[in-house]
Amino acid sequence: MKALTSVNRALQYLWEGAFRIFTRDRDEVPAIGVQPYTGERSTKQAE
């Protein structure tokens, strides 16, 4: 009976990992959009 419990736990562990890999992304990234460049332009000209 103990062997079945160990196998069940191992399969559940693998299933949960595969489930996390193949589900849709749930990234908690804020939607900030495209940010314009506000730095200084280079003074050198490209050749």
PDB file of N, CA and C in Angstrom:
ATOM      1  N   MET A   1       0.820  -1.191   0.000  1.00  0.00           N
ATOM      2  CA  MET A   1       0.000   0.000   0.000  1.00  0.00           C
ATOM      3  C   MET A   1       0.866   1.257   0.000  1.00  0.00           C
ATOM      4  N   LYS A   2       2.002   1.173   0.675  1.00  0.00           N
ATOM      5  CA  LYS A   2       2.900   2.320   0.731  1.00  0.00           C
ATOM      6  C   LYS A   2       3.509   2.612  -0.643  1.00  0.00           C
ATOM      7  N   ALA A   3       3.721   1.563  -1.421  1.00  0.00           N
ATOM      8  CA  ALA A   3       4.285   1.737  -2.761  1.00  0.00           C
ATOM      9  C   ALA A   3       3.289   2.470  -3.662  1.00  0.00           C
ATOM     10  N   LEU A   4       2.017   2.137  -3.551  1.00  0.00           N
ATOM     11  CA  LEU A   4       0.998   2.818  -4.350  1.00  0.00           C
ATOM     12  C   LEU A   4       0.894   4.292  -3.986  1.00  0.00           C
ATOM     13  N   THR A   5       1.027   4.598  -2.717  1.00  0.00           N
ATOM     14  CA  THR A   5       0.981   5.992  -2.285  1.00  0.00           C
ATOM     15  C   THR A   5       2.169   6.769  -2.855  1.00  0.00           C
ATOM     16  N   SER A   6       3.337   6.148  -2.853  1.00  0.00           N
ATOM     17  CA  SER A   6       4.529   6.809  -3.401  1.00  0.00           C
ATOM     18  C   SER A   6       4.390   7.039  -4.904  1.00  0.00           C
ATOM     19  N   VAL A   7       3.875   6.053  -5.612  1.00  0.00           N
ATOM     20  CA  VAL A   7       3.681   6.191  -7.047  1.00  0.00           C
ATOM     21  C   VAL A   7       2.641   7.268  -7.335  1.00  0.00           C
ATOM     22  N   ASN A   8       1.576   7.285  -6.552  1.00  0.00           N
ATOM     23  CA  ASN A   8       0.532   8.290  -6.723  1.00  0.00           C
ATOM     24  C   ASN A   8       1.086   9.696  -6.508  1.00  0.00           C
ATOM     25  N   ARG A   9       1.891   9.879  -5.495  1.00  0.00           N
ATOM     26  CA  ARG A   9       2.490  11.198  -5.232  1.00  0.00           C
ATOM     27  C   ARG A   9       3.445  11.603  -6.349  1.00  0.00           C
ATOM     28  N   ALA A  10       4.228  10.657  -6.855  1.00  0.00           N
ATOM     29  CA  ALA A  10       5.167  10.966  -7.934  1.00  0.00           C
ATOM     30  C   ALA A  10       4.423  11.365  -9.198  1.00  0.00           C
ATOM     31  N   LEU A  11       3.365  10.644  -9.533  1.00  0.00           N
ATOM     32  CA  LEU A  11       2.585  10.982 -10.722  1.00  0.00           C
ATOM     33  C   LEU A  11       1.887  12.328 -10.564  1.00  0.00           C
ATOM     34  N   GLN A  12       1.393  12.611  -9.378  1.00  0.00           N
ATOM     35  CA  GLN A  12       0.740  13.898  -9.136  1.00  0.00           C
ATOM     36  C   GLN A  12       1.750  15.037  -9.273  1.00  0.00           C
ATOM     37  N   TYR A  13       2.963  14.836  -8.770  1.00  0.00           N
ATOM     38  CA  TYR A  13       4.017  15.842  -8.870  1.00  0.00           C
ATOM     39  C   TYR A  13       4.346  16.123 -10.338  1.00  0.00           C
ATOM     40  N   LEU A  14       4.482  15.062 -11.148  1.00  0.00           N
ATOM     41  CA  LEU A  14       4.787  15.232 -12.563  1.00  0.00           C
ATOM     42  C   LEU A  14       3.624  15.879 -13.312  1.00  0.00           C
ATOM     43  N   TRP A  15       2.400  15.486 -12.990  1.00  0.00           N
ATOM     44  CA  TRP A  15       1.215  16.051 -13.643  1.00  0.00           C
ATOM     45  C   TRP A  15       1.105  17.551 -13.364  1.00  0.00           C
ATOM     46  N   GLU A  16       1.330  17.959 -12.120  1.00  0.00           N
ATOM     47  CA  GLU A  16       1.243  19.379 -11.784  1.00  0.00           C
ATOM     48  C   GLU A  16       2.313  20.190 -12.509  1.00  0.00           C
ATOM     49  N   GLY A  17       3.512  19.638 -12.652  1.00  0.00           N
ATOM     50  CA  GLY A  17       4.570  20.317 -13.390  1.00  0.00           C
ATOM     51  C   GLY A  17       4.224  20.480 -14.856  1.00  0.00           C
ATOM     52  N   ALA A  18       3.719  19.415 -15.474  1.00  0.00           N
ATOM     53  CA  ALA A  18       3.324  19.480 -16.886  1.00  0.00           C
ATOM     54  C   ALA A  18       2.156  20.435 -17.065  1.00  0.00           C
ATOM     55  N   PHE A  19       1.240  20.454 -16.122  1.00  0.00           N
ATOM     56  CA  PHE A  19       0.094  21.354 -16.187  1.00  0.00           C
ATOM     57  C   PHE A  19       0.549  22.805 -16.166  1.00  0.00           C
ATOM     58  N   ARG A  20       1.526  23.129 -15.306  1.00  0.00           N
ATOM     59  CA  ARG A  20       2.033  24.500 -15.237  1.00  0.00           C
ATOM     60  C   ARG A  20       2.766  24.891 -16.517  1.00  0.00           C
ATOM     61  N   ILE A  21       3.456  23.936 -17.143  1.00  0.00           N
ATOM     62  CA  ILE A  21       4.200  24.247 -18.362  1.00  0.00           C
ATOM     63  C   ILE A  21       3.258  24.532 -19.525  1.00  0.00           C
ATOM     64  N   PHE A  22       2.199  23.740 -19.663  1.00  0.00           N
ATOM     65  CA  PHE A  22       1.366  23.813 -20.849  1.00  0.00           C
ATOM     66  C   PHE A  22       0.085  24.621 -20.688  1.00  0.00           C
ATOM     67  N   THR A  23      -0.111  25.290 -19.573  1.00  0.00           N
ATOM     68  CA  THR A  23      -1.276  26.156 -19.442  1.00  0.00           C
ATOM     69  C   THR A  23      -0.933  27.550 -19.960  1.00  0.00           C
ATOM     70  N   ARG A  24      -1.955  28.374 -20.123  1.00  0.00           N
ATOM     71  CA  ARG A  24      -1.726  29.749 -20.571  1.00  0.00           C
ATOM     72  C   ARG A  24      -0.885  30.493 -19.549  1.00  0.00           C
ATOM     73  N   ASP A  25      -0.177  31.500 -20.039  1.00  0.00           N
ATOM     74  CA  ASP A  25       0.655  32.321 -19.155  1.00  0.00           C
ATOM     75  C   ASP A  25      -0.217  33.106 -18.191  1.00  0.00           C
ATOM     76  N   ARG A  26       0.241  33.180 -16.977  1.00  0.00           N
ATOM     77  CA  ARG A  26      -0.441  33.992 -15.980  1.00  0.00           C
ATOM     78  C   ARG A  26       0.546  34.991 -15.391  1.00  0.00           C
ATOM     79  N   ASP A  27       1.359  35.580 -16.248  1.00  0.00           N
ATOM     80  CA  ASP A  27       2.361  36.530 -15.778  1.00  0.00           C
ATOM     81  C   ASP A  27       1.682  37.757 -15.189  1.00  0.00           C
ATOM     82  N   GLU A  28       2.202  38.210 -14.104  1.00  0.00           N
ATOM     83  CA  GLU A  28       1.668  39.386 -13.424  1.00  0.00           C
ATOM     84  C   GLU A  28       2.467  40.616 -13.845  1.00  0.00           C
ATOM     85  N   VAL A  29       2.515  40.870 -15.134  1.00  0.00           N
ATOM     86  CA  VAL A  29       3.280  41.992 -15.666  1.00  0.00           C
ATOM     87  C   VAL A  29       2.331  43.165 -15.886  1.00  0.00           C
ATOM     88  N   PRO A  30       2.682  44.349 -15.398  1.00  0.00           N
ATOM     89  CA  PRO A  30       1.798  45.492 -15.618  1.00  0.00           C
ATOM     90  C   PRO A  30       1.763  45.891 -17.090  1.00  0.00           C
ATOM     91  N   ALA A  31       0.621  46.292 -17.562  1.00  0.00           N
ATOM     92  CA  ALA A  31       0.468  46.715 -18.952  1.00  0.00           C
ATOM     93  C   ALA A  31       0.841  48.188 -19.059  1.00  0.00           C
ATOM     94  N   ILE A  32       2.111  48.450 -19.358  1.00  0.00           N
ATOM     95  CA  ILE A  32       2.578  49.836 -19.399  1.00  0.00           C
ATOM     96  C   ILE A  32       2.695  50.359 -20.819  1.00  0.00           C
ATOM     97  N   GLY A  33       2.704  49.483 -21.815  1.00  0.00           N
ATOM     98  CA  GLY A  33       2.786  49.915 -23.195  1.00  0.00           C
ATOM     99  C   GLY A  33       4.198  50.268 -23.620  1.00  0.00           C
ATOM    100  N   VAL A  34       4.306  50.816 -24.810  1.00  0.00           N
ATOM    101  CA  VAL A  34       5.603  51.185 -25.378  1.00  0.00           C
ATOM    102  C   VAL A  34       6.026  52.528 -24.805  1.00  0.00           C
ATOM    103  N   GLN A  35       7.269  52.595 -24.382  1.00  0.00           N
ATOM    104  CA  GLN A  35       7.803  53.829 -23.815  1.00  0.00           C
ATOM    105  C   GLN A  35       8.679  54.523 -24.851  1.00  0.00           C
ATOM    106  N   PRO A  36       8.504  55.814 -25.085  1.00  0.00           N
ATOM    107  CA  PRO A  36       9.341  56.530 -26.048  1.00  0.00           C
ATOM    108  C   PRO A  36      10.759  56.716 -25.511  1.00  0.00           C
ATOM    109  N   TYR A  37      11.693  56.811 -26.425  1.00  0.00           N
ATOM    110  CA  TYR A  37      13.085  57.035 -26.051  1.00  0.00           C
ATOM    111  C   TYR A  37      13.262  58.502 -25.675  1.00  0.00           C
ATOM    112  N   THR A  38      13.794  58.757 -24.499  1.00  0.00           N
ATOM    113  CA  THR A  38      13.948  60.137 -24.050  1.00  0.00           C
ATOM    114  C   THR A  38      15.413  60.510 -23.826  1.00  0.00           C
ATOM    115  N   GLY A  39      16.326  59.694 -24.342  1.00  0.00           N
ATOM    116  CA  GLY A  39      17.752  59.962 -24.150  1.00  0.00           C
ATOM    117  C   GLY A  39      18.301  60.943 -25.155  1.00  0.00           C
ATOM    118  N   GLU A  40      19.584  61.207 -25.058  1.00  0.00           N
ATOM    119  CA  GLU A  40      20.264  62.129 -25.961  1.00  0.00           C
ATOM    120  C   GLU A  40      20.632  61.406 -27.251  1.00  0.00           C
ATOM    121  N   ARG A  41      20.570  62.132 -28.380  1.00  0.00           N
ATOM    122  CA  ARG A  41      20.984  61.567 -29.656  1.00  0.00           C
ATOM    123  C   ARG A  41      22.503  61.561 -29.740  1.00  0.00           C
ATOM    124  N   SER A  42      23.020  60.619 -30.484  1.00  0.00           N
ATOM    125  CA  SER A  42      24.451  60.528 -30.693  1.00  0.00           C
ATOM    126  C   SER A  42      24.919  61.630 -31.637  1.00  0.00           C
ATOM    127  N   THR A  43      26.090  62.185 -31.386  1.00  0.00           N
ATOM    128  CA  THR A  43      26.609  63.234 -32.259  1.00  0.00           C
ATOM    129  C   THR A  43      27.397  62.651 -33.417  1.00  0.00           C
ATOM    130  N   LYS A  44      27.761  61.374 -33.346  1.00  0.00           N
ATOM    131  CA  LYS A  44      28.517  60.748 -34.431  1.00  0.00           C
ATOM    132  C   LYS A  44      27.560  60.332 -35.543  1.00  0.00           C
ATOM    133  N   GLN A  45      28.020  60.501 -36.783  1.00  0.00           N
ATOM    134  CA  GLN A  45      27.247  60.090 -37.941  1.00  0.00           C
ATOM    135  C   GLN A  45      27.685  58.673 -38.326  1.00  0.00           C
ATOM    136  N   ALA A  46      26.740  57.856 -38.732  1.00  0.00           N
ATOM    137  CA  ALA A  46      27.066  56.524 -39.213  1.00  0.00           C
ATOM    138  C   ALA A  46      27.681  56.631 -40.595  1.00  0.00           C
ATOM    139  N   GLU A  47      28.715  55.857 -40.830  1.00  0.00           N
ATOM    140  CA  GLU A  47      29.389  55.912 -42.140  1.00  0.00           C
ATOM    141  C   GLU A  47      28.775  54.962 -43.105  1.00  0.00           C
TER     142      GLU A  47
END
